[in-house]
Amino acid sequence: METLKLLIRVMTLLLLIVMIGGCSQGWSVGGVVLTPQDTVSNTVFIELMGVDSVVHYYHGKIYTQSNWCWIHHQFEDVKQLDG
């Protein structure tokens, strides 16, 4: 019987926390809610997917020479495929 009472108290407490705290439908970092403007137009990295479906992140301009990939932590040669 005591276990049932404890379970009811815990469930009530969790329900109150959810009702009072509320839930955000979006992402937040450090308590700051991210908006689509934060995640789309203020992007620092350029994301490219290789022919082998591996994703690469580059900063700034893409050069036809070596580019630093921030995911793989190495210089990588990038070239545009026609077609």
N, C-alpha and C. Protein backbone atom coordinates (compact mmCIF):
# COMPACT_ATOMS: atom_id res chain seq x y z
N MET A 1 0.81 -1.20 0.00
CA MET A 1 0.00 0.00 0.00
C MET A 1 0.86 1.27 0.00
N GLU A 2 1.96 1.21 0.74
CA GLU A 2 2.88 2.35 0.79
C GLU A 2 3.51 2.60 -0.58
N THR A 3 3.80 1.53 -1.30
CA THR A 3 4.39 1.66 -2.63
C THR A 3 3.42 2.36 -3.58
N LEU A 4 2.13 2.03 -3.46
CA LEU A 4 1.12 2.66 -4.30
C LEU A 4 1.01 4.15 -3.99
N LYS A 5 1.07 4.51 -2.74
CA LYS A 5 1.02 5.93 -2.35
C LYS A 5 2.23 6.68 -2.89
N LEU A 6 3.39 6.06 -2.79
CA LEU A 6 4.60 6.69 -3.30
C LEU A 6 4.52 6.86 -4.82
N LEU A 7 4.01 5.86 -5.51
CA LEU A 7 3.86 5.94 -6.95
C LEU A 7 2.91 7.06 -7.35
N ILE A 8 1.81 7.22 -6.64
CA ILE A 8 0.85 8.29 -6.91
C ILE A 8 1.48 9.65 -6.66
N ARG A 9 2.27 9.78 -5.61
CA ARG A 9 2.94 11.05 -5.32
C ARG A 9 3.95 11.42 -6.41
N VAL A 10 4.72 10.44 -6.84
CA VAL A 10 5.72 10.69 -7.88
C VAL A 10 5.04 11.08 -9.19
N MET A 11 3.98 10.38 -9.55
CA MET A 11 3.25 10.69 -10.79
C MET A 11 2.62 12.07 -10.72
N THR A 12 2.09 12.43 -9.57
CA THR A 12 1.50 13.77 -9.39
C THR A 12 2.57 14.84 -9.51
N LEU A 13 3.71 14.61 -8.90
CA LEU A 13 4.82 15.56 -8.98
C LEU A 13 5.28 15.74 -10.43
N LEU A 14 5.44 14.65 -11.16
CA LEU A 14 5.85 14.73 -12.56
C LEU A 14 4.82 15.47 -13.41
N LEU A 15 3.55 15.23 -13.16
CA LEU A 15 2.48 15.93 -13.88
C LEU A 15 2.53 17.42 -13.59
N LEU A 16 2.75 17.81 -12.35
CA LEU A 16 2.85 19.23 -12.01
C LEU A 16 4.06 19.88 -12.68
N ILE A 17 5.18 19.18 -12.71
CA ILE A 17 6.38 19.74 -13.34
C ILE A 17 6.12 19.99 -14.82
N VAL A 18 5.49 19.05 -15.50
CA VAL A 18 5.21 19.21 -16.92
C VAL A 18 4.21 20.34 -17.16
N MET A 19 3.19 20.44 -16.32
CA MET A 19 2.18 21.48 -16.49
C MET A 19 2.74 22.86 -16.21
N ILE A 20 3.55 22.99 -15.19
CA ILE A 20 4.09 24.30 -14.81
C ILE A 20 5.23 24.69 -15.74
N GLY A 21 6.15 23.78 -15.99
CA GLY A 21 7.32 24.08 -16.81
C GLY A 21 6.98 24.24 -18.28
N GLY A 22 6.01 23.51 -18.75
CA GLY A 22 5.67 23.56 -20.17
C GLY A 22 6.74 22.91 -21.01
N CYS A 23 6.39 22.63 -22.24
CA CYS A 23 7.32 22.02 -23.18
C CYS A 23 7.43 22.89 -24.41
N SER A 24 8.64 23.07 -24.87
CA SER A 24 8.88 23.83 -26.08
C SER A 24 8.87 22.88 -27.26
N GLN A 25 8.27 23.31 -28.36
CA GLN A 25 8.25 22.49 -29.57
C GLN A 25 9.55 22.61 -30.35
N GLY A 26 10.38 23.56 -29.99
CA GLY A 26 11.62 23.78 -30.73
C GLY A 26 12.83 23.40 -29.91
N TRP A 27 13.98 23.75 -30.44
CA TRP A 27 15.25 23.49 -29.78
C TRP A 27 15.66 24.69 -28.95
N SER A 28 16.44 24.44 -27.92
CA SER A 28 16.99 25.53 -27.14
C SER A 28 18.42 25.17 -26.75
N VAL A 29 19.24 26.19 -26.67
CA VAL A 29 20.62 26.01 -26.25
C VAL A 29 20.89 27.00 -25.14
N GLY A 30 21.25 26.51 -23.98
CA GLY A 30 21.51 27.38 -22.84
C GLY A 30 20.30 28.20 -22.44
N GLY A 31 19.10 27.66 -22.64
CA GLY A 31 17.87 28.36 -22.29
C GLY A 31 17.40 29.34 -23.35
N VAL A 32 18.13 29.49 -24.46
CA VAL A 32 17.75 30.39 -25.53
C VAL A 32 17.10 29.55 -26.63
N VAL A 33 15.86 29.88 -26.99
CA VAL A 33 15.14 29.13 -28.00
C VAL A 33 15.67 29.49 -29.38
N LEU A 34 15.96 28.47 -30.18
CA LEU A 34 16.44 28.68 -31.54
C LEU A 34 15.26 28.84 -32.49
N THR A 35 15.30 29.85 -33.31
CA THR A 35 14.25 30.10 -34.29
C THR A 35 14.75 29.65 -35.66
N PRO A 36 13.87 29.55 -36.66
CA PRO A 36 14.35 29.21 -38.00
C PRO A 36 15.40 30.18 -38.53
N GLN A 37 15.32 31.45 -38.13
CA GLN A 37 16.33 32.43 -38.57
C GLN A 37 17.70 32.05 -38.01
N ASP A 38 17.75 31.56 -36.78
CA ASP A 38 19.01 31.16 -36.17
C ASP A 38 19.61 29.94 -36.85
N THR A 39 18.77 29.04 -37.29
CA THR A 39 19.26 27.76 -37.81
C THR A 39 19.41 27.74 -39.32
N VAL A 40 18.89 28.75 -40.02
CA VAL A 40 18.98 28.72 -41.48
C VAL A 40 19.84 29.86 -42.02
N SER A 41 19.50 31.10 -41.71
CA SER A 41 20.18 32.22 -42.35
C SER A 41 21.50 32.61 -41.67
N ASN A 42 21.71 32.23 -40.43
CA ASN A 42 22.95 32.60 -39.74
C ASN A 42 23.90 31.41 -39.64
N THR A 43 23.92 30.60 -40.67
CA THR A 43 24.74 29.41 -40.66
C THR A 43 26.21 29.77 -40.91
N VAL A 44 27.10 29.20 -40.14
CA VAL A 44 28.52 29.47 -40.25
C VAL A 44 29.16 28.51 -41.25
N PHE A 45 28.71 27.27 -41.27
CA PHE A 45 29.33 26.24 -42.10
C PHE A 45 28.55 26.00 -43.38
N ILE A 46 29.28 25.57 -44.40
CA ILE A 46 28.68 25.10 -45.64
C ILE A 46 28.71 23.59 -45.59
N GLU A 47 27.56 22.98 -45.74
CA GLU A 47 27.46 21.53 -45.66
C GLU A 47 27.41 20.94 -47.07
N LEU A 48 28.33 20.03 -47.35
CA LEU A 48 28.36 19.34 -48.64
C LEU A 48 28.29 17.84 -48.40
N MET A 49 27.60 17.15 -49.30
CA MET A 49 27.55 15.70 -49.22
C MET A 49 28.33 15.13 -50.39
N GLY A 50 29.26 14.23 -50.11
CA GLY A 50 30.07 13.62 -51.15
C GLY A 50 29.29 12.57 -51.92
N VAL A 51 29.89 12.07 -52.98
CA VAL A 51 29.24 11.05 -53.79
C VAL A 51 29.04 9.75 -53.01
N ASP A 52 29.79 9.58 -51.92
CA ASP A 52 29.63 8.41 -51.07
C ASP A 52 28.67 8.66 -49.91
N SER A 53 27.91 9.78 -49.98
CA SER A 53 26.90 10.18 -48.99
C SER A 53 27.49 10.58 -47.65
N VAL A 54 28.77 10.89 -47.60
CA VAL A 54 29.40 11.38 -46.37
C VAL A 54 29.25 12.89 -46.34
N VAL A 55 28.82 13.43 -45.19
CA VAL A 55 28.61 14.86 -45.04
C VAL A 55 29.91 15.52 -44.58
N HIS A 56 30.20 16.70 -45.16
CA HIS A 56 31.39 17.48 -44.82
C HIS A 56 30.95 18.90 -44.49
N TYR A 57 31.60 19.52 -43.50
CA TYR A 57 31.32 20.92 -43.13
C TYR A 57 32.55 21.76 -43.42
N TYR A 58 32.36 22.83 -44.20
CA TYR A 58 33.43 23.76 -44.51
C TYR A 58 33.01 25.15 -44.06
N HIS A 59 33.98 25.96 -43.69
CA HIS A 59 33.72 27.32 -43.24
C HIS A 59 34.10 28.30 -44.33
N GLY A 60 33.23 29.28 -44.56
CA GLY A 60 33.54 30.33 -45.53
C GLY A 60 33.33 29.88 -46.96
N LYS A 61 34.29 30.22 -47.80
CA LYS A 61 34.20 29.93 -49.23
C LYS A 61 34.76 28.55 -49.53
N ILE A 62 34.17 27.88 -50.52
CA ILE A 62 34.68 26.58 -50.96
C ILE A 62 35.67 26.82 -52.10
N TYR A 63 36.87 26.29 -51.95
CA TYR A 63 37.91 26.42 -52.96
C TYR A 63 38.07 25.09 -53.71
N THR A 64 38.61 25.16 -54.92
CA THR A 64 38.86 23.94 -55.68
C THR A 64 40.14 23.26 -55.21
N GLN A 65 40.80 23.86 -54.25
CA GLN A 65 42.00 23.27 -53.66
C GLN A 65 41.60 22.60 -52.35
N SER A 66 42.50 22.61 -51.41
CA SER A 66 42.24 22.01 -50.10
C SER A 66 41.32 22.89 -49.27
N ASN A 67 40.36 22.26 -48.62
CA ASN A 67 39.43 22.92 -47.71
C ASN A 67 39.44 22.16 -46.39
N TRP A 68 39.41 22.88 -45.29
CA TRP A 68 39.41 22.25 -43.98
C TRP A 68 38.00 21.75 -43.66
N CYS A 69 37.87 20.44 -43.44
CA CYS A 69 36.59 19.84 -43.04
C CYS A 69 36.53 19.82 -41.52
N TRP A 70 35.52 20.47 -40.96
CA TRP A 70 35.41 20.61 -39.52
C TRP A 70 34.87 19.35 -38.86
N ILE A 71 34.30 18.45 -39.63
CA ILE A 71 33.85 17.17 -39.06
C ILE A 71 35.01 16.19 -38.97
N HIS A 72 35.78 16.11 -40.07
CA HIS A 72 36.85 15.12 -40.14
C HIS A 72 38.20 15.64 -39.68
N HIS A 73 38.30 16.94 -39.42
CA HIS A 73 39.53 17.56 -38.91
C HIS A 73 40.73 17.29 -39.82
N GLN A 74 40.51 17.53 -41.11
CA GLN A 74 41.59 17.37 -42.07
C GLN A 74 41.28 18.20 -43.32
N PHE A 75 42.33 18.46 -44.11
CA PHE A 75 42.14 19.15 -45.38
C PHE A 75 41.62 18.15 -46.40
N GLU A 76 40.65 18.60 -47.21
CA GLU A 76 40.06 17.74 -48.23
C GLU A 76 39.96 18.52 -49.54
N ASP A 77 40.24 17.85 -50.64
CA ASP A 77 40.10 18.46 -51.96
C ASP A 77 38.64 18.35 -52.40
N VAL A 78 38.09 19.45 -52.91
CA VAL A 78 36.70 19.49 -53.34
C VAL A 78 36.68 19.82 -54.82
N LYS A 79 35.87 19.09 -55.57
CA LYS A 79 35.68 19.43 -56.97
C LYS A 79 34.21 19.22 -57.32
N GLN A 80 33.73 20.03 -58.24
CA GLN A 80 32.33 19.96 -58.65
C GLN A 80 32.21 18.93 -59.77
N LEU A 81 31.23 18.05 -59.61
CA LEU A 81 30.96 17.06 -60.65
C LEU A 81 29.88 17.59 -61.56
N ASP A 82 30.10 17.53 -62.86
CA ASP A 82 29.10 17.96 -63.82
C ASP A 82 28.13 16.82 -64.07
N GLY A 83 26.85 17.19 -64.12
CA GLY A 83 25.89 16.15 -64.45
C GLY A 83 24.80 16.12 -63.54
